[in-house]
């Protein structure tokens, strides 16, 4: 089995990169991708742990982006697989995004502190050194303070767009992200493009435009997609010659998603590896 979308403590997961690899092996996966938000800082630890666990590792990342739909921007995420992490253009955008995320998080804490017992130090206490800080860490601080019971409650009541505590942050245009990933030798795949429960999703025309810019695939099989969404996305993938992937979007205790609950075919993985710059790191069992 192949799961191409997981998160660790390098971003907003609750398992370390090594623990993600152990969880993948325990679930019977042969291949897993580590795709933390806007960072590759977990790759080295994951590589060592994957080798020890005897599974294959696809080195990846989930990049925050946005797409203009009408007169408004819609938040989208682009998974990048097997790219060169030293590519200058991509690194500039990632550095800018991470800095904007942290500045945004600090502003949100200032607003939350007007009504709840939370400080920036409380947020830092929920992270590891080098973590890409985001709203899930604010949620964890609120849980630790006894304000809410879990991340879901924090997002439902005070961290979602529309509340007075929410602050937007910089994200590059999705078309530019796709081009940068390709320039870096990576393989860009649109993460959970039909997850309308998270907010607005892009129309079919946007997916066509991204395909024209070099998008390689669509993450079709995902917990946040119902059967209608999966059929629509599979049809779009066929229409535009895109790969189809399936993934868990595992976050450890941060989400209910179970590692390996949605998977990718060996054929799609082989095409991703063919298009990418880096190799898949294969362990003994894989």
Protein backbone atom coordinates (compact mmCIF):
# COMPACT_ATOMS: atom_id res chain seq x y z
CA UNK A 1 0.00 0.00 0.00
CA UNK A 2 1.11 3.55 -0.79
CA UNK A 3 0.12 6.68 1.17
CA UNK A 4 1.44 9.94 -0.31
CA UNK A 5 0.29 12.60 2.21
CA UNK A 6 1.33 12.68 5.88
CA UNK A 7 2.42 15.32 8.39
CA UNK A 8 4.82 15.31 11.34
CA UNK A 9 5.91 17.66 14.09
CA UNK A 10 7.95 19.49 11.45
CA UNK A 11 4.62 21.19 10.67
CA UNK A 12 1.24 20.45 12.25
CA UNK A 13 1.33 16.70 12.92
CA UNK A 14 1.66 15.28 16.42
CA UNK A 15 4.10 12.44 15.54
CA UNK A 16 7.79 13.03 14.90
CA UNK A 17 9.01 12.13 11.39
CA UNK A 18 10.39 8.87 12.79
CA UNK A 19 7.08 8.08 14.48
CA UNK A 20 5.23 8.69 11.20
CA UNK A 21 7.47 6.11 9.53
CA UNK A 22 6.84 3.62 12.34
CA UNK A 23 3.09 4.23 12.10
CA UNK A 24 3.25 3.64 8.35
CA UNK A 25 5.10 0.35 8.81
CA UNK A 26 2.68 -0.76 11.52
CA UNK A 27 -0.25 -0.04 9.18
CA UNK A 28 1.27 -2.33 6.54
CA UNK A 29 2.30 0.41 4.11
CA UNK A 30 5.11 -0.30 1.66
CA UNK A 31 5.57 3.37 0.68
CA UNK A 32 4.79 6.62 2.48
CA UNK A 33 5.39 10.29 1.68
CA UNK A 34 6.26 12.88 4.31
CA UNK A 35 4.64 16.13 3.15
CA UNK A 36 4.91 18.73 5.89
CA UNK A 37 3.60 22.24 5.27
CA UNK A 38 6.12 24.46 3.48
CA UNK A 39 9.16 22.65 4.90
CA UNK A 40 11.49 19.72 4.24
CA UNK A 41 13.05 19.80 7.72
CA UNK A 42 11.73 16.33 8.59
CA UNK A 43 13.23 14.55 5.59
CA UNK A 44 16.51 13.38 7.14
CA UNK A 45 14.92 11.91 10.26
CA UNK A 46 12.22 10.26 8.17
CA UNK A 47 14.79 8.76 5.80
CA UNK A 48 16.70 7.07 8.63
CA UNK A 49 13.51 5.79 10.26
CA UNK A 50 12.05 4.53 6.98
CA UNK A 51 15.22 2.54 6.27
CA UNK A 52 15.06 1.01 9.75
CA UNK A 53 11.37 0.18 9.31
CA UNK A 54 11.98 -1.36 5.88
CA UNK A 55 9.57 0.91 4.00
CA UNK A 56 10.08 3.30 1.10
CA UNK A 57 10.01 7.08 1.60
CA UNK A 58 8.81 9.64 -0.93
CA UNK A 59 10.25 12.99 0.08
CA UNK A 60 7.66 15.69 -0.37
CA UNK A 61 6.04 18.83 0.95
CA UNK A 62 2.60 20.48 1.01
CA UNK A 63 2.82 24.07 -0.23
CA UNK A 64 0.32 26.74 0.81
CA UNK A 65 -0.99 28.66 -2.19
CA UNK A 66 -3.99 30.57 -3.43
CA UNK A 67 -5.97 30.76 -6.67
CA UNK A 68 -8.00 33.71 -7.93
CA UNK A 69 -11.63 32.71 -8.51
CA UNK A 70 -13.69 35.63 -9.72
CA UNK A 71 -12.73 38.54 -7.51
CA UNK A 72 -11.67 36.47 -4.51
CA UNK A 73 -8.76 34.18 -3.71
CA UNK A 74 -9.34 30.58 -2.68
CA UNK A 75 -6.83 28.76 -0.49
CA UNK A 76 -5.31 25.71 -2.19
CA UNK A 77 -2.54 23.28 -1.30
CA UNK A 78 -0.07 21.82 -3.78
CA UNK A 79 1.83 18.65 -2.90
CA UNK A 80 5.37 18.62 -4.27
CA UNK A 81 7.12 15.27 -4.62
CA UNK A 82 10.80 14.48 -5.20
CA UNK A 83 11.93 18.06 -5.85
CA UNK A 84 15.35 19.58 -5.23
CA UNK A 85 15.08 21.26 -1.78
CA UNK A 86 17.95 23.61 -2.63
CA UNK A 87 16.19 25.21 -5.60
CA UNK A 88 16.59 28.96 -5.03
CA UNK A 89 13.28 30.18 -6.41
CA UNK A 90 11.20 27.68 -4.48
CA UNK A 91 13.13 28.32 -1.27
CA UNK A 92 12.51 32.08 -1.49
CA UNK A 93 8.75 31.53 -1.68
CA UNK A 94 8.78 28.97 1.12
CA UNK A 95 10.79 31.25 3.40
CA UNK A 96 8.37 34.09 2.73
CA UNK A 97 5.36 31.87 3.42
CA UNK A 98 6.77 30.49 6.68
CA UNK A 99 7.62 33.99 7.91
CA UNK A 100 4.10 35.15 7.03
CA UNK A 101 2.59 32.15 8.83
CA UNK A 102 4.49 32.96 12.03
CA UNK A 103 3.69 36.67 11.88
CA UNK A 104 0.03 35.79 11.30
CA UNK A 105 0.06 33.36 14.22
CA UNK A 106 1.54 36.00 16.52
CA UNK A 107 -1.22 38.46 15.53
CA UNK A 108 -3.88 35.83 16.15
CA UNK A 109 -2.46 35.13 19.59
CA UNK A 110 -2.61 38.84 20.40
CA UNK A 111 -6.29 38.87 19.48
CA UNK A 112 -7.06 35.64 21.34
CA UNK A 113 -5.25 36.91 24.44
CA UNK A 114 -7.83 39.67 24.75
CA UNK A 115 -10.39 37.01 25.69
CA UNK A 116 -8.51 33.82 26.61
CA UNK A 117 -5.45 32.83 28.72
CA UNK A 118 -2.97 32.26 25.88
CA UNK A 119 0.51 33.67 25.15
CA UNK A 120 3.05 33.22 22.38
CA UNK A 121 5.19 31.18 24.79
CA UNK A 122 2.22 28.84 25.24
CA UNK A 123 2.17 28.29 21.47
CA UNK A 124 5.92 27.69 21.29
CA UNK A 125 5.54 25.10 24.04
CA UNK A 126 3.41 23.06 21.61
CA UNK A 127 6.08 22.97 18.90
CA UNK A 128 9.47 21.46 18.16
CA UNK A 129 12.49 23.56 17.10
CA UNK A 130 12.18 24.40 13.42
CA UNK A 131 8.45 23.67 13.28
CA UNK A 132 6.39 25.56 10.71
CA UNK A 133 3.97 27.25 13.11
CA UNK A 134 0.32 27.45 12.14
CA UNK A 135 -3.20 27.54 13.51
CA UNK A 136 -3.08 23.93 14.78
CA UNK A 137 -0.43 24.98 17.29
CA UNK A 138 -2.66 27.80 18.50
CA UNK A 139 -5.37 25.19 18.88
CA UNK A 140 -3.02 22.97 20.91
CA UNK A 141 -2.20 25.91 23.20
CA UNK A 142 -5.91 26.56 23.71
CA UNK A 143 -6.42 22.88 24.56
CA UNK A 144 -3.53 23.00 27.04
CA UNK A 145 -5.08 26.09 28.65
CA UNK A 146 -8.40 24.31 29.06
CA UNK A 147 -10.24 26.68 26.74
CA UNK A 148 -11.32 23.92 24.32
CA UNK A 149 -11.26 20.13 24.39
CA UNK A 150 -9.49 19.49 21.07
CA UNK A 151 -8.28 21.01 17.80
CA UNK A 152 -11.62 20.51 16.10
CA UNK A 153 -13.41 22.62 18.70
CA UNK A 154 -10.77 25.34 18.46
CA UNK A 155 -11.15 25.55 14.68
CA UNK A 156 -14.93 25.41 14.83
CA UNK A 157 -15.27 28.20 17.38
CA UNK A 158 -12.41 30.66 17.04
CA UNK A 159 -9.72 29.83 14.44
CA UNK A 160 -11.72 29.63 11.21
CA UNK A 161 -12.14 32.49 8.72
CA UNK A 162 -14.96 34.76 9.76
CA UNK A 163 -14.10 34.96 13.45
CA UNK A 164 -12.56 38.14 14.81
CA UNK A 165 -9.42 36.20 15.73
CA UNK A 166 -8.64 35.01 12.20
CA UNK A 167 -5.82 36.73 10.30
CA UNK A 168 -4.90 36.01 6.69
CA UNK A 169 -1.32 35.32 5.64
CA UNK A 170 0.71 35.55 2.45
CA UNK A 171 0.63 32.62 0.04
CA UNK A 172 1.96 32.51 -3.54
CA UNK A 173 -0.30 32.06 -6.53
CA UNK A 174 -1.01 28.39 -7.32
CA UNK A 175 0.11 28.76 -10.93
CA UNK A 176 3.47 30.10 -9.76
CA UNK A 177 3.82 27.27 -7.25
CA UNK A 178 3.23 24.66 -9.96
CA UNK A 179 5.85 26.31 -12.17
CA UNK A 180 8.37 26.57 -9.31
CA UNK A 181 7.90 22.93 -8.33
CA UNK A 182 8.52 21.90 -11.94
CA UNK A 183 11.56 24.17 -12.12
CA UNK A 184 12.85 22.45 -8.95
CA UNK A 185 12.45 19.06 -10.64
CA UNK A 186 9.42 18.15 -8.55
CA UNK A 187 6.03 16.65 -9.30
CA UNK A 188 3.09 18.91 -8.31
CA UNK A 189 -0.20 17.31 -7.26
CA UNK A 190 -3.28 19.25 -6.13
CA UNK A 191 -4.11 18.21 -2.55
CA UNK A 192 -7.77 17.50 -1.64
CA UNK A 193 -9.13 19.74 -4.44
CA UNK A 194 -12.75 18.80 -3.72
CA UNK A 195 -12.74 19.32 0.05
CA UNK A 196 -15.61 21.81 0.13
CA UNK A 197 -16.07 21.28 3.88
CA UNK A 198 -12.89 23.31 4.39
CA UNK A 199 -14.24 26.33 2.49
CA UNK A 200 -14.54 27.37 -1.15
CA UNK A 201 -13.02 25.09 -3.76
CA UNK A 202 -11.77 26.02 -7.21
CA UNK A 203 -13.88 25.38 -10.33
CA UNK A 204 -12.97 22.95 -13.08
CA UNK A 205 -11.55 25.80 -15.17
CA UNK A 206 -8.89 26.50 -12.53
CA UNK A 207 -7.79 22.87 -12.54
CA UNK A 208 -7.55 23.02 -16.34
CA UNK A 209 -5.39 26.14 -16.05
CA UNK A 210 -3.11 24.49 -13.51
CA UNK A 211 -2.82 21.43 -15.75
CA UNK A 212 -1.68 23.69 -18.56
CA UNK A 213 1.00 25.14 -16.27
CA UNK A 214 2.43 21.72 -15.42
CA UNK A 215 0.23 20.22 -12.70
CA UNK A 216 0.91 16.48 -12.65
CA UNK A 217 -2.01 15.07 -10.73
CA UNK A 218 -5.04 15.32 -8.48
CA UNK A 219 -5.41 13.80 -5.02
CA UNK A 220 -8.75 12.13 -5.72
CA UNK A 221 -9.15 9.57 -2.95
CA UNK A 222 -9.26 11.51 0.33
CA UNK A 223 -11.44 11.44 3.43
CA UNK A 224 -12.75 14.93 2.65
CA UNK A 225 -14.13 13.87 -0.76
CA UNK A 226 -17.53 12.24 -1.06
CA UNK A 227 -18.30 9.88 -3.94
CA UNK A 228 -19.59 12.66 -6.19
CA UNK A 229 -16.39 14.66 -5.66
CA UNK A 230 -14.25 11.62 -6.41
CA UNK A 231 -16.10 10.93 -9.65
CA UNK A 232 -15.81 14.58 -10.71
CA UNK A 233 -12.10 14.72 -9.96
CA UNK A 234 -11.35 11.38 -11.61
CA UNK A 235 -13.12 12.65 -14.71
CA UNK A 236 -11.07 15.86 -14.68
CA UNK A 237 -7.87 13.87 -14.27
CA UNK A 238 -8.75 11.75 -17.29
CA UNK A 239 -9.73 14.80 -19.33
CA UNK A 240 -6.46 16.62 -18.69
CA UNK A 241 -4.09 13.65 -18.61
CA UNK A 242 -3.38 13.98 -14.87
CA UNK A 243 -2.28 11.34 -12.39
CA UNK A 244 -4.73 10.15 -9.75
CA UNK A 245 -3.47 9.73 -6.19
CA UNK A 246 -5.03 8.73 -2.87
CA UNK A 247 -3.74 9.68 0.55
CA UNK A 248 -4.65 9.80 4.22
CA UNK A 249 -3.49 13.35 5.10
CA UNK A 250 -2.37 11.83 8.40
CA UNK A 251 -1.65 14.24 11.27
CA UNK A 252 -1.24 11.81 14.16
CA UNK A 253 -3.60 12.85 16.97
CA UNK A 254 -4.19 16.16 15.19
CA UNK A 255 -6.91 14.68 12.94
CA UNK A 256 -9.11 11.61 12.86
CA UNK A 257 -7.51 10.56 9.55
CA UNK A 258 -5.88 7.12 9.80
CA UNK A 259 -2.62 6.48 8.04
CA UNK A 260 -3.16 4.33 4.96
CA UNK A 261 -6.94 4.88 4.86
CA UNK A 262 -6.68 6.13 1.25
CA UNK A 263 -3.93 4.94 -1.05
CA UNK A 264 -2.21 5.46 -4.40
CA UNK A 265 -1.64 2.84 -7.11
CA UNK A 266 1.87 1.57 -7.88
CA UNK A 267 1.41 2.86 -11.44
CA UNK A 268 0.84 6.45 -10.25
CA UNK A 269 3.83 6.24 -7.92
CA UNK A 270 6.03 4.94 -10.76
CA UNK A 271 5.03 7.92 -12.91
CA UNK A 272 5.73 10.35 -10.05
CA UNK A 273 9.19 8.85 -9.64
CA UNK A 274 9.78 8.99 -13.40
CA UNK A 275 8.97 12.72 -13.45
CA UNK A 276 10.80 13.67 -10.23
CA UNK A 277 14.42 14.61 -9.62
CA UNK A 278 15.00 12.71 -6.38
CA UNK A 279 14.65 8.94 -6.13
CA UNK A 280 12.19 7.15 -3.89
CA UNK A 281 14.21 5.90 -0.91
CA UNK A 282 13.45 2.20 -0.74
CA UNK A 283 13.80 0.09 2.39
CA UNK A 284 14.30 -3.65 2.52
CA UNK A 285 10.59 -4.54 2.82
CA UNK A 286 9.37 -2.21 0.07
